[in-house]
Amino acid sequence: MLRLIKLHRPDSRVYWWVENGLAPLLEDDPDLAGIIRFHRKGWARPRNWSHVFRDILWMREQRFDWVIDLQSLARSGAFAWLANGALTVGLDETREGARGFYDLAARRQTWHTHAVDWYLSVLPLLGVPVHSRFDWIPSRGACAASLRQRWPDLDGTPWVIVQPGARWLNKRWPAGHYSRFVSELAMQRPSARFAVLGSGEDRPMGEAIARSLPGKVLDLTGRLSLPEMVEWLRAASLMVTNDTGPMHVGAALGIPLIGLFGPTEPFRTGPYGQVQNTLRLDLPCVPCMGSRCKIARPMECLTALPVEGVVRRACELLPSFRT
């Protein structure tokens, strides 16, 4: 959205309202005029109202021509409306009633329409053409150079990224499966090395996976900033991941990617442009779209997803690893 708006209207000044913890992903972006940080945790507490009120006043003072809400939740819709822009645009989503805050709303073409395509369908409502002739995530030279100082073998090594965490517990392929995956892929692709990404909360999983193949698995859980995570992914040869945020970063960077899916629908929220590289089991309960598993054999959609199938797909995507 940002790239296409700036390409079509290079004179525009675009600001992004974003949760504070994710703001580092957008800092120093060449197409942004500024960032409005939203502290999601505790924002509704009376002691924080002055900060929220201040931000709302600032947004209203800008007299925005367009206010675009792609989250379409009650909170984001209300803030978009309070910004008091000349035109407020969002998604035709009914789950929290945000549609009522918009002047225009883009409908999802079908239930299976990918979220990215749904978001992009907002642009024609604004007269902005949609195409793919742009760089989704520009490289951050200083950050990339710093990583190469810390890890000189980042270049010239076929790195396989594994991402064992996810916000929903029932989106996680078991850490033991990831351990078997790296061990078995290493036997078939001896030149490969592995890096485990994730937050500090994912460290127990990262440590367990690293122990499965000492010397060939680098545990980076809790050790990278968000910009550093992006540059690590940019240097990777393959990513194997649960359905989680970093998966979408990998897809935007265009690296080969294997998405492991259980309760969610890859056609709606899978790795954009690589939905064919998602793996999931054909079970009666899939996709349940729920954050909690309610079947007799908990999380069978992921626990029964075989390691051998993931290794086989990884070998298909990385034929140059043969030695």
C-alpha atoms as a PDB file:
ATOM      1  CA  MET A   1       0.000   0.000   0.000  1.00  0.00           C
ATOM      2  CA  LEU A   2       2.703   2.457   1.044  1.00  0.00           C
ATOM      3  CA  ARG A   3       4.915   1.782  -1.983  1.00  0.00           C
ATOM      4  CA  LEU A   4       2.068   2.098  -4.480  1.00  0.00           C
ATOM      5  CA  ILE A   5       0.700   5.290  -2.954  1.00  0.00           C
ATOM      6  CA  LYS A   6       4.138   6.906  -3.063  1.00  0.00           C
ATOM      7  CA  LEU A   7       4.774   5.756  -6.630  1.00  0.00           C
ATOM      8  CA  HIS A   8       1.447   7.173  -7.796  1.00  0.00           C
ATOM      9  CA  ARG A   9       1.607  10.308  -5.638  1.00  0.00           C
ATOM     10  CA  PRO A  10       5.292  11.074  -4.953  1.00  0.00           C
ATOM     11  CA  ASP A  11       4.246  14.429  -3.494  1.00  0.00           C
ATOM     12  CA  SER A  12       2.230  12.750  -0.742  1.00  0.00           C
ATOM     13  CA  ARG A  13       3.232  12.645   2.914  1.00  0.00           C
ATOM     14  CA  VAL A  14       2.295   9.326   4.494  1.00  0.00           C
ATOM     15  CA  TYR A  15       2.142   8.646   8.236  1.00  0.00           C
ATOM     16  CA  TRP A  16       1.668   5.209   9.783  1.00  0.00           C
ATOM     17  CA  TRP A  17      -0.280   4.574  12.992  1.00  0.00           C
ATOM     18  CA  VAL A  18       1.287   1.411  14.427  1.00  0.00           C
ATOM     19  CA  GLU A  19       1.627  -0.556  17.648  1.00  0.00           C
ATOM     20  CA  ASN A  20       4.728   0.657  19.470  1.00  0.00           C
ATOM     21  CA  GLY A  21       6.455  -2.736  19.545  1.00  0.00           C
ATOM     22  CA  LEU A  22       6.289  -3.008  15.755  1.00  0.00           C
ATOM     23  CA  ALA A  23       7.437   0.540  15.031  1.00  0.00           C
ATOM     24  CA  PRO A  24      11.106  -0.490  14.494  1.00  0.00           C
ATOM     25  CA  LEU A  25      10.002  -2.276  11.307  1.00  0.00           C
ATOM     26  CA  LEU A  26       9.035   1.104   9.863  1.00  0.00           C
ATOM     27  CA  GLU A  27      11.667   3.436  11.289  1.00  0.00           C
ATOM     28  CA  ASP A  28      13.742   5.241   8.643  1.00  0.00           C
ATOM     29  CA  ASP A  29      11.526   3.945   5.844  1.00  0.00           C
ATOM     30  CA  PRO A  30      12.179   6.198   2.832  1.00  0.00           C
ATOM     31  CA  ASP A  31       8.485   6.446   1.945  1.00  0.00           C
ATOM     32  CA  LEU A  32       7.229   7.480   5.381  1.00  0.00           C
ATOM     33  CA  ALA A  33       6.927  11.042   6.630  1.00  0.00           C
ATOM     34  CA  GLY A  34       6.444   9.834  10.197  1.00  0.00           C
ATOM     35  CA  ILE A  35       5.158   7.208  12.620  1.00  0.00           C
ATOM     36  CA  ILE A  36       2.368   7.561  15.180  1.00  0.00           C
ATOM     37  CA  ARG A  37       3.119   5.054  17.945  1.00  0.00           C
ATOM     38  CA  PHE A  38       0.182   3.373  19.643  1.00  0.00           C
ATOM     39  CA  HIS A  39       0.809   1.712  23.009  1.00  0.00           C
ATOM     40  CA  ARG A  40      -1.723  -1.094  22.756  1.00  0.00           C
ATOM     41  CA  LYS A  41      -1.116  -2.498  26.234  1.00  0.00           C
ATOM     42  CA  GLY A  42      -2.942  -0.386  28.747  1.00  0.00           C
ATOM     43  CA  TRP A  43      -4.127   2.257  26.301  1.00  0.00           C
ATOM     44  CA  ALA A  44      -7.637   2.228  27.819  1.00  0.00           C
ATOM     45  CA  ARG A  45      -6.426   2.902  31.369  1.00  0.00           C
ATOM     46  CA  PRO A  46      -7.330   6.423  32.540  1.00  0.00           C
ATOM     47  CA  ARG A  47      -3.701   7.277  33.259  1.00  0.00           C
ATOM     48  CA  ASN A  48      -2.895   6.798  29.543  1.00  0.00           C
ATOM     49  CA  TRP A  49      -5.814   8.789  28.175  1.00  0.00           C
ATOM     50  CA  SER A  50      -3.780  11.982  27.947  1.00  0.00           C
ATOM     51  CA  HIS A  51      -1.332  10.312  25.510  1.00  0.00           C
ATOM     52  CA  VAL A  52      -4.170   8.928  23.397  1.00  0.00           C
ATOM     53  CA  PHE A  53      -5.939  12.306  23.398  1.00  0.00           C
ATOM     54  CA  ARG A  54      -2.714  14.058  22.394  1.00  0.00           C
ATOM     55  CA  ASP A  55      -2.234  11.728  19.403  1.00  0.00           C
ATOM     56  CA  ILE A  56      -5.829  12.188  18.288  1.00  0.00           C
ATOM     57  CA  LEU A  57      -5.466  15.958  18.432  1.00  0.00           C
ATOM     58  CA  TRP A  58      -2.247  15.779  16.434  1.00  0.00           C
ATOM     59  CA  MET A  59      -3.882  13.634  13.750  1.00  0.00           C
ATOM     60  CA  ARG A  60      -6.815  16.020  13.459  1.00  0.00           C
ATOM     61  CA  GLU A  61      -4.452  18.976  13.124  1.00  0.00           C
ATOM     62  CA  GLN A  62      -2.837  17.369  10.063  1.00  0.00           C
ATOM     63  CA  ARG A  63      -6.137  17.523   8.119  1.00  0.00           C
ATOM     64  CA  PHE A  64      -5.362  14.286   6.317  1.00  0.00           C
ATOM     65  CA  ASP A  65      -6.837  13.835   2.858  1.00  0.00           C
ATOM     66  CA  TRP A  66      -7.044  10.049   3.263  1.00  0.00           C
ATOM     67  CA  VAL A  67      -7.272   7.915   6.376  1.00  0.00           C
ATOM     68  CA  ILE A  68      -6.895   4.216   5.554  1.00  0.00           C
ATOM     69  CA  ASP A  69      -7.689   1.472   8.079  1.00  0.00           C
ATOM     70  CA  LEU A  70      -6.654  -2.033   7.031  1.00  0.00           C
ATOM     71  CA  GLN A  71      -7.175  -3.647  10.424  1.00  0.00           C
ATOM     72  CA  SER A  72     -10.906  -2.992  10.510  1.00  0.00           C
ATOM     73  CA  LEU A  73     -11.357  -3.608  14.212  1.00  0.00           C
ATOM     74  CA  ALA A  74     -13.570  -1.455  16.417  1.00  0.00           C
ATOM     75  CA  ARG A  75     -10.526   0.272  17.935  1.00  0.00           C
ATOM     76  CA  SER A  76      -8.738   1.011  14.654  1.00  0.00           C
ATOM     77  CA  GLY A  77     -11.974   2.099  12.985  1.00  0.00           C
ATOM     78  CA  ALA A  78     -12.748   4.492  15.828  1.00  0.00           C
ATOM     79  CA  PHE A  79      -9.268   6.036  15.706  1.00  0.00           C
ATOM     80  CA  ALA A  80      -9.518   6.373  11.922  1.00  0.00           C
ATOM     81  CA  TRP A  81     -12.832   8.207  12.314  1.00  0.00           C
ATOM     82  CA  LEU A  82     -11.471  10.414  15.111  1.00  0.00           C
ATOM     83  CA  ALA A  83      -8.573  11.455  12.845  1.00  0.00           C
ATOM     84  CA  ASN A  84     -11.260  13.401  10.941  1.00  0.00           C
ATOM     85  CA  GLY A  85      -9.705  13.073   7.482  1.00  0.00           C
ATOM     86  CA  ALA A  86     -11.446  14.217   4.338  1.00  0.00           C
ATOM     87  CA  LEU A  87     -12.004  10.586   3.290  1.00  0.00           C
ATOM     88  CA  THR A  88     -11.883   7.508   5.527  1.00  0.00           C
ATOM     89  CA  VAL A  89     -11.428   4.171   3.781  1.00  0.00           C
ATOM     90  CA  GLY A  90     -11.314   0.614   5.131  1.00  0.00           C
ATOM     91  CA  LEU A  91     -12.360  -2.964   4.597  1.00  0.00           C
ATOM     92  CA  ASP A  92     -15.920  -4.228   4.436  1.00  0.00           C
ATOM     93  CA  GLU A  93     -15.459  -6.361   7.554  1.00  0.00           C
ATOM     94  CA  THR A  94     -18.385  -6.909   9.913  1.00  0.00           C
ATOM     95  CA  ARG A  95     -16.836  -8.725  12.884  1.00  0.00           C
ATOM     96  CA  GLU A  96     -16.460  -5.633  15.115  1.00  0.00           C
ATOM     97  CA  GLY A  97     -18.583  -3.075  13.314  1.00  0.00           C
ATOM     98  CA  ALA A  98     -15.687  -0.952  12.050  1.00  0.00           C
ATOM     99  CA  ARG A  99     -17.387  -0.636   8.669  1.00  0.00           C
ATOM    100  CA  GLY A 100     -19.625   2.034  10.147  1.00  0.00           C
ATOM    101  CA  PHE A 101     -16.678   4.408  10.566  1.00  0.00           C
ATOM    102  CA  TYR A 102     -15.722   4.465   6.857  1.00  0.00           C
ATOM    103  CA  ASP A 103     -16.835   6.539   3.906  1.00  0.00           C
ATOM    104  CA  LEU A 104     -15.712   3.787   1.502  1.00  0.00           C
ATOM    105  CA  ALA A 105     -15.002   0.101   2.108  1.00  0.00           C
ATOM    106  CA  ALA A 106     -13.499  -2.626  -0.076  1.00  0.00           C
ATOM    107  CA  ARG A 107     -15.287  -5.955  -0.107  1.00  0.00           C
ATOM    108  CA  ARG A 108     -13.415  -9.245   0.018  1.00  0.00           C
ATOM    109  CA  GLN A 109     -14.051 -10.858  -3.353  1.00  0.00           C
ATOM    110  CA  THR A 110     -14.394 -14.398  -1.979  1.00  0.00           C
ATOM    111  CA  TRP A 111     -13.844 -16.118   1.365  1.00  0.00           C
ATOM    112  CA  HIS A 112     -10.514 -17.437   0.036  1.00  0.00           C
ATOM    113  CA  THR A 113      -9.238 -14.082  -1.262  1.00  0.00           C
ATOM    114  CA  HIS A 114      -5.807 -13.474   0.227  1.00  0.00           C
ATOM    115  CA  ALA A 115      -5.610 -10.668   2.794  1.00  0.00           C
ATOM    116  CA  VAL A 116      -2.943  -8.861   0.750  1.00  0.00           C
ATOM    117  CA  ASP A 117      -5.188  -8.794  -2.323  1.00  0.00           C
ATOM    118  CA  TRP A 118      -8.071  -7.590  -0.156  1.00  0.00           C
ATOM    119  CA  TYR A 119      -5.950  -4.762   1.242  1.00  0.00           C
ATOM    120  CA  LEU A 120      -4.747  -3.807  -2.230  1.00  0.00           C
ATOM    121  CA  SER A 121      -8.347  -3.617  -3.455  1.00  0.00           C
ATOM    122  CA  VAL A 122      -8.661  -0.430  -1.379  1.00  0.00           C
ATOM    123  CA  LEU A 123      -6.309   1.392  -3.743  1.00  0.00           C
ATOM    124  CA  PRO A 124      -8.594   1.500  -6.825  1.00  0.00           C
ATOM    125  CA  LEU A 125     -11.172   3.231  -4.604  1.00  0.00           C
ATOM    126  CA  LEU A 126      -8.562   5.996  -4.267  1.00  0.00           C
ATOM    127  CA  GLY A 127      -7.565   6.029  -7.937  1.00  0.00           C
ATOM    128  CA  VAL A 128      -4.211   4.372  -7.243  1.00  0.00           C
ATOM    129  CA  PRO A 129      -3.161   1.644  -9.733  1.00  0.00           C
ATOM    130  CA  VAL A 130      -2.059  -1.728  -8.385  1.00  0.00           C
ATOM    131  CA  HIS A 131       1.070  -3.460  -9.715  1.00  0.00           C
ATOM    132  CA  SER A 132       4.176  -5.206  -8.368  1.00  0.00           C
ATOM    133  CA  ARG A 133       6.952  -3.046  -9.794  1.00  0.00           C
ATOM    134  CA  PHE A 134       8.468  -2.013  -6.478  1.00  0.00           C
ATOM    135  CA  ASP A 135      10.755  -3.222  -3.697  1.00  0.00           C
ATOM    136  CA  TRP A 136       8.583  -4.359  -0.792  1.00  0.00           C
ATOM    137  CA  ILE A 137      11.212  -3.984   1.949  1.00  0.00           C
ATOM    138  CA  PRO A 138      14.269  -1.881   1.065  1.00  0.00           C
ATOM    139  CA  SER A 139      17.594  -3.028   2.507  1.00  0.00           C
ATOM    140  CA  ARG A 140      18.995  -1.255   5.554  1.00  0.00           C
ATOM    141  CA  GLY A 141      22.662  -0.999   4.731  1.00  0.00           C
ATOM    142  CA  ALA A 142      23.975  -0.120   8.190  1.00  0.00           C
ATOM    143  CA  CYS A 143      21.977  -2.891   9.835  1.00  0.00           C
ATOM    144  CA  ALA A 144      23.084  -5.451   7.233  1.00  0.00           C
ATOM    145  CA  ALA A 145      26.734  -4.413   7.626  1.00  0.00           C
ATOM    146  CA  SER A 146      26.499  -4.749  11.416  1.00  0.00           C
ATOM    147  CA  LEU A 147      25.120  -8.281  11.093  1.00  0.00           C
ATOM    148  CA  ARG A 148      27.967  -9.295   8.794  1.00  0.00           C
ATOM    149  CA  GLN A 149      30.482  -8.047  11.331  1.00  0.00           C
ATOM    150  CA  ARG A 150      28.908 -10.231  13.998  1.00  0.00           C
ATOM    151  CA  TRP A 151      28.369 -13.226  11.713  1.00  0.00           C
ATOM    152  CA  PRO A 152      30.968 -13.125   8.897  1.00  0.00           C
ATOM    153  CA  ASP A 153      29.621 -16.364   7.416  1.00  0.00           C
ATOM    154  CA  LEU A 154      26.204 -14.823   6.748  1.00  0.00           C
ATOM    155  CA  ASP A 155      27.180 -14.614   3.066  1.00  0.00           C
ATOM    156  CA  GLY A 156      28.313 -17.652   1.124  1.00  0.00           C
ATOM    157  CA  THR A 157      26.533 -20.099   3.437  1.00  0.00           C
ATOM    158  CA  PRO A 158      23.169 -21.687   2.577  1.00  0.00           C
ATOM    159  CA  TRP A 159      21.251 -20.666   5.712  1.00  0.00           C
ATOM    160  CA  VAL A 160      17.928 -22.317   6.509  1.00  0.00           C
ATOM    161  CA  ILE A 161      15.779 -20.251   8.875  1.00  0.00           C
ATOM    162  CA  VAL A 162      13.370 -22.034  11.209  1.00  0.00           C
ATOM    163  CA  GLN A 163      10.643 -20.111  13.046  1.00  0.00           C
ATOM    164  CA  PRO A 164       9.132 -22.368  15.747  1.00  0.00           C
ATOM    165  CA  GLY A 165       7.062 -19.753  17.584  1.00  0.00           C
ATOM    166  CA  ALA A 166       3.596 -18.332  16.986  1.00  0.00           C
ATOM    167  CA  ARG A 167       1.171 -16.284  19.048  1.00  0.00           C
ATOM    168  CA  TRP A 168      -1.409 -19.074  19.062  1.00  0.00           C
ATOM    169  CA  LEU A 169      -0.094 -22.260  20.667  1.00  0.00           C
ATOM    170  CA  ASN A 170      -2.120 -24.330  18.219  1.00  0.00           C
ATOM    171  CA  LYS A 171      -0.224 -22.765  15.288  1.00  0.00           C
ATOM    172  CA  ARG A 172       3.077 -24.277  16.444  1.00  0.00           C
ATOM    173  CA  TRP A 173       4.583 -27.316  14.789  1.00  0.00           C
ATOM    174  CA  PRO A 174       6.213 -29.083  17.779  1.00  0.00           C
ATOM    175  CA  ALA A 175       9.792 -28.091  18.609  1.00  0.00           C
ATOM    176  CA  GLY A 176      10.721 -31.776  18.552  1.00  0.00           C
ATOM    177  CA  HIS A 177       9.593 -31.937  14.936  1.00  0.00           C
ATOM    178  CA  TYR A 178      11.801 -28.963  14.094  1.00  0.00           C
ATOM    179  CA  SER A 179      14.727 -30.722  15.789  1.00  0.00           C
ATOM    180  CA  ARG A 180      14.211 -33.798  13.653  1.00  0.00           C
ATOM    181  CA  PHE A 181      13.799 -31.619  10.574  1.00  0.00           C
ATOM    182  CA  VAL A 182      17.181 -29.892  10.943  1.00  0.00           C
ATOM    183  CA  SER A 183      18.922 -33.197  11.697  1.00  0.00           C
ATOM    184  CA  GLU A 184      17.440 -34.988   8.691  1.00  0.00           C
ATOM    185  CA  LEU A 185      17.890 -32.081   6.267  1.00  0.00           C
ATOM    186  CA  ALA A 186      21.516 -31.713   7.378  1.00  0.00           C
ATOM    187  CA  MET A 187      22.154 -35.317   6.367  1.00  0.00           C
ATOM    188  CA  GLN A 188      20.785 -34.670   2.877  1.00  0.00           C
ATOM    189  CA  ARG A 189      22.248 -31.160   2.486  1.00  0.00           C
ATOM    190  CA  PRO A 190      25.546 -31.189   4.452  1.00  0.00           C
ATOM    191  CA  SER A 191      26.488 -27.658   3.403  1.00  0.00           C
ATOM    192  CA  ALA A 192      23.393 -26.170   5.023  1.00  0.00           C
ATOM    193  CA  ARG A 193      23.414 -24.303   8.319  1.00  0.00           C
ATOM    194  CA  PHE A 194      20.395 -23.422  10.404  1.00  0.00           C
ATOM    195  CA  ALA A 195      19.318 -20.331  12.368  1.00  0.00           C
ATOM    196  CA  VAL A 196      16.382 -20.270  14.770  1.00  0.00           C
ATOM    197  CA  LEU A 197      14.444 -16.996  14.894  1.00  0.00           C
ATOM    198  CA  GLY A 198      11.998 -15.895  17.541  1.00  0.00           C
ATOM    199  CA  SER A 199      11.450 -13.696  20.553  1.00  0.00           C
ATOM    200  CA  GLY A 200      12.851 -14.215  24.018  1.00  0.00           C
ATOM    201  CA  GLU A 201       9.736 -16.218  24.857  1.00  0.00           C
ATOM    202  CA  ASP A 202      10.750 -18.726  22.176  1.00  0.00           C
ATOM    203  CA  ARG A 203      14.199 -19.323  23.696  1.00  0.00           C
ATOM    204  CA  PRO A 204      13.408 -22.750  25.218  1.00  0.00           C
ATOM    205  CA  MET A 205      12.398 -23.976  21.760  1.00  0.00           C
ATOM    206  CA  GLY A 206      15.468 -22.379  20.174  1.00  0.00           C
ATOM    207  CA  GLU A 207      17.783 -24.009  22.704  1.00  0.00           C
ATOM    208  CA  ALA A 208      16.162 -27.403  22.213  1.00  0.00           C
ATOM    209  CA  ILE A 209      16.484 -27.219  18.424  1.00  0.00           C
ATOM    210  CA  ALA A 210      20.108 -26.057  18.675  1.00  0.00           C
ATOM    211  CA  ARG A 211      20.972 -28.992  20.944  1.00  0.00           C
ATOM    212  CA  SER A 212      19.726 -31.400  18.305  1.00  0.00           C
ATOM    213  CA  LEU A 213      22.574 -30.486  15.952  1.00  0.00           C
ATOM    214  CA  PRO A 214      25.467 -28.825  17.824  1.00  0.00           C
ATOM    215  CA  GLY A 215      27.690 -26.617  15.702  1.00  0.00           C
ATOM    216  CA  LYS A 216      25.251 -26.335  12.806  1.00  0.00           C
ATOM    217  CA  VAL A 217      22.272 -24.612  14.453  1.00  0.00           C
ATOM    218  CA  LEU A 218      22.548 -20.988  15.550  1.00  0.00           C
ATOM    219  CA  ASP A 219      19.985 -20.035  18.187  1.00  0.00           C
ATOM    220  CA  LEU A 220      19.028 -16.382  17.584  1.00  0.00           C
ATOM    221  CA  THR A 221      15.848 -16.341  19.680  1.00  0.00           C
ATOM    222  CA  GLY A 222      15.664 -13.117  21.659  1.00  0.00           C
ATOM    223  CA  ARG A 223      18.937 -11.835  20.172  1.00  0.00           C
ATOM    224  CA  LEU A 224      17.765  -9.784  17.191  1.00  0.00           C
ATOM    225  CA  SER A 225      15.931  -6.524  16.746  1.00  0.00           C
ATOM    226  CA  LEU A 226      13.119  -6.463  14.187  1.00  0.00           C
ATOM    227  CA  PRO A 227      15.311  -4.761  11.520  1.00  0.00           C
ATOM    228  CA  GLU A 228      18.043  -7.365  12.168  1.00  0.00           C
ATOM    229  CA  MET A 229      15.499 -10.141  11.751  1.00  0.00           C
ATOM    230  CA  VAL A 230      14.569  -8.686   8.351  1.00  0.00           C
ATOM    231  CA  GLU A 231      18.196  -8.630   7.189  1.00  0.00           C
ATOM    232  CA  TRP A 232      18.803 -12.183   8.423  1.00  0.00           C
ATOM    233  CA  LEU A 233      15.825 -13.335   6.396  1.00  0.00           C
ATOM    234  CA  ARG A 234      17.085 -11.426   3.365  1.00  0.00           C
ATOM    235  CA  ALA A 235      20.332 -13.428   3.498  1.00  0.00           C
ATOM    236  CA  ALA A 236      18.616 -16.822   3.898  1.00  0.00           C
ATOM    237  CA  SER A 237      18.212 -19.540   1.290  1.00  0.00           C
ATOM    238  CA  LEU A 238      15.054 -21.038   2.820  1.00  0.00           C
ATOM    239  CA  MET A 239      12.623 -20.397   5.650  1.00  0.00           C
ATOM    240  CA  VAL A 240      10.544 -23.070   7.390  1.00  0.00           C
ATOM    241  CA  THR A 241       7.928 -21.424   9.552  1.00  0.00           C
ATOM    242  CA  ASN A 242       4.660 -21.599  11.387  1.00  0.00           C
ATOM    243  CA  ASP A 243       1.855 -19.190  10.494  1.00  0.00           C
ATOM    244  CA  THR A 244       3.277 -16.084  12.151  1.00  0.00           C
ATOM    245  CA  GLY A 245       4.426 -12.529  11.452  1.00  0.00           C
ATOM    246  CA  PRO A 246       8.005 -13.278  10.301  1.00  0.00           C
ATOM    247  CA  MET A 247       6.540 -15.641   7.690  1.00  0.00           C
ATOM    248  CA  HIS A 248       4.977 -12.628   5.959  1.00  0.00           C
ATOM    249  CA  VAL A 249       8.290 -10.764   6.084  1.00  0.00           C
ATOM    250  CA  GLY A 250       9.985 -13.735   4.409  1.00  0.00           C
ATOM    251  CA  ALA A 251       7.284 -13.807   1.739  1.00  0.00           C
ATOM    252  CA  ALA A 252       7.675 -10.071   1.116  1.00  0.00           C
ATOM    253  CA  LEU A 253      11.432 -10.576   0.686  1.00  0.00           C
ATOM    254  CA  GLY A 254      10.771 -13.356  -1.822  1.00  0.00           C
ATOM    255  CA  ILE A 255      12.909 -16.047  -0.180  1.00  0.00           C
ATOM    256  CA  PRO A 256      11.819 -19.675  -0.712  1.00  0.00           C
ATOM    257  CA  LEU A 257       9.508 -20.505   2.143  1.00  0.00           C
ATOM    258  CA  ILE A 258       7.659 -23.496   3.587  1.00  0.00           C
ATOM    259  CA  GLY A 259       4.633 -22.554   5.713  1.00  0.00           C
ATOM    260  CA  LEU A 260       3.308 -25.147   8.153  1.00  0.00           C
ATOM    261  CA  PHE A 261      -0.424 -24.637   8.656  1.00  0.00           C
ATOM    262  CA  GLY A 262      -2.997 -26.102  11.016  1.00  0.00           C
ATOM    263  CA  PRO A 263      -6.015 -24.100  12.206  1.00  0.00           C
ATOM    264  CA  THR A 264      -5.776 -21.242   9.698  1.00  0.00           C
ATOM    265  CA  GLU A 265      -6.401 -21.006   5.949  1.00  0.00           C
ATOM    266  CA  PRO A 266      -3.278 -20.425   3.803  1.00  0.00           C
ATOM    267  CA  PHE A 267      -5.301 -19.103   0.876  1.00  0.00           C
ATOM    268  CA  ARG A 268      -6.459 -16.247   3.124  1.00  0.00           C
ATOM    269  CA  THR A 269      -3.366 -15.523   5.219  1.00  0.00           C
ATOM    270  CA  GLY A 270      -0.587 -17.761   3.932  1.00  0.00           C
ATOM    271  CA  PRO A 271       2.773 -16.604   2.533  1.00  0.00           C
ATOM    272  CA  TYR A 272       1.761 -14.249  -0.267  1.00  0.00           C
ATOM    273  CA  GLY A 273       2.979 -15.486  -3.626  1.00  0.00           C
ATOM    274  CA  GLN A 274       4.031 -18.855  -2.190  1.00  0.00           C
ATOM    275  CA  VAL A 275       0.782 -20.414  -1.034  1.00  0.00           C
ATOM    276  CA  GLN A 276       1.743 -23.488  -3.066  1.00  0.00           C
ATOM    277  CA  ASN A 277       4.592 -24.016  -0.580  1.00  0.00           C
ATOM    278  CA  THR A 278       2.309 -24.401   2.431  1.00  0.00           C
ATOM    279  CA  LEU A 279       1.866 -27.829   3.994  1.00  0.00           C
ATOM    280  CA  ARG A 280      -1.174 -28.938   5.988  1.00  0.00           C
ATOM    281  CA  LEU A 281      -3.136 -32.093   6.657  1.00  0.00           C
ATOM    282  CA  ASP A 282      -6.530 -32.795   5.160  1.00  0.00           C
ATOM    283  CA  LEU A 283      -8.547 -33.305   8.343  1.00  0.00           C
ATOM    284  CA  PRO A 284     -12.283 -32.707   8.893  1.00  0.00           C
ATOM    285  CA  CYS A 285     -11.548 -29.922  11.399  1.00  0.00           C
ATOM    286  CA  VAL A 286      -9.081 -28.038   9.165  1.00  0.00           C
ATOM    287  CA  PRO A 287      -9.259 -25.070   9.042  1.00  0.00           C
ATOM    288  CA  CYS A 288     -11.096 -24.423  12.310  1.00  0.00           C
ATOM    289  CA  MET A 289      -9.921 -20.777  12.441  1.00  0.00           C
ATOM    290  CA  GLY A 290      -9.865 -20.996  16.229  1.00  0.00           C
ATOM    291  CA  SER A 291      -7.092 -20.143  18.674  1.00  0.00           C
ATOM    292  CA  ARG A 292      -7.826 -23.205  20.810  1.00  0.00           C
ATOM    293  CA  CYS A 293      -7.955 -26.831  19.751  1.00  0.00           C
ATOM    294  CA  LYS A 294     -11.144 -28.660  20.796  1.00  0.00           C
ATOM    295  CA  ILE A 295     -10.743 -32.112  19.245  1.00  0.00           C
ATOM    296  CA  ALA A 296     -10.068 -35.355  21.103  1.00  0.00           C
ATOM    297  CA  ARG A 297      -6.472 -35.534  19.830  1.00  0.00           C
ATOM    298  CA  PRO A 298      -5.232 -31.991  20.522  1.00  0.00           C
ATOM    299  CA  MET A 299      -3.423 -30.213  17.691  1.00  0.00           C
ATOM    300  CA  GLU A 300      -3.434 -33.276  15.458  1.00  0.00           C
ATOM    301  CA  CYS A 301      -3.407 -30.940  12.448  1.00  0.00           C
ATOM    302  CA  LEU A 302       0.209 -30.060  13.312  1.00  0.00           C
ATOM    303  CA  THR A 303       1.523 -32.892  15.465  1.00  0.00           C
ATOM    304  CA  ALA A 304       0.667 -35.370  12.698  1.00  0.00           C
ATOM    305  CA  LEU A 305       2.287 -33.263   9.961  1.00  0.00           C
ATOM    306  CA  PRO A 306       5.230 -35.523   9.076  1.00  0.00           C
ATOM    307  CA  VAL A 307       8.820 -34.368   9.308  1.00  0.00           C
ATOM    308  CA  GLU A 308       9.692 -36.399   6.230  1.00  0.00           C
ATOM    309  CA  GLY A 309       7.291 -34.385   4.091  1.00  0.00           C
ATOM    310  CA  VAL A 310       8.807 -31.087   5.207  1.00  0.00           C
ATOM    311  CA  VAL A 311      12.334 -32.368   4.526  1.00  0.00           C
ATOM    312  CA  ARG A 312      11.269 -33.547   1.086  1.00  0.00           C
ATOM    313  CA  ARG A 313       9.778 -30.160   0.216  1.00  0.00           C
ATOM    314  CA  ALA A 314      12.915 -28.394   1.506  1.00  0.00           C
ATOM    315  CA  CYS A 315      15.081 -30.540  -0.787  1.00  0.00           C
ATOM    316  CA  GLU A 316      12.848 -29.686  -3.728  1.00  0.00           C
ATOM    317  CA  LEU A 317      13.251 -25.976  -3.059  1.00  0.00           C
ATOM    318  CA  LEU A 318      16.999 -26.201  -2.528  1.00  0.00           C
ATOM    319  CA  PRO A 319      18.445 -28.566  -5.151  1.00  0.00           C
ATOM    320  CA  SER A 320      21.756 -26.672  -5.130  1.00  0.00           C
ATOM    321  CA  PHE A 321      22.424 -28.017  -1.641  1.00  0.00           C
ATOM    322  CA  ARG A 322      23.369 -31.420  -3.045  1.00  0.00           C
ATOM    323  CA  THR A 323      27.041 -32.217  -2.471  1.00  0.00           C
END
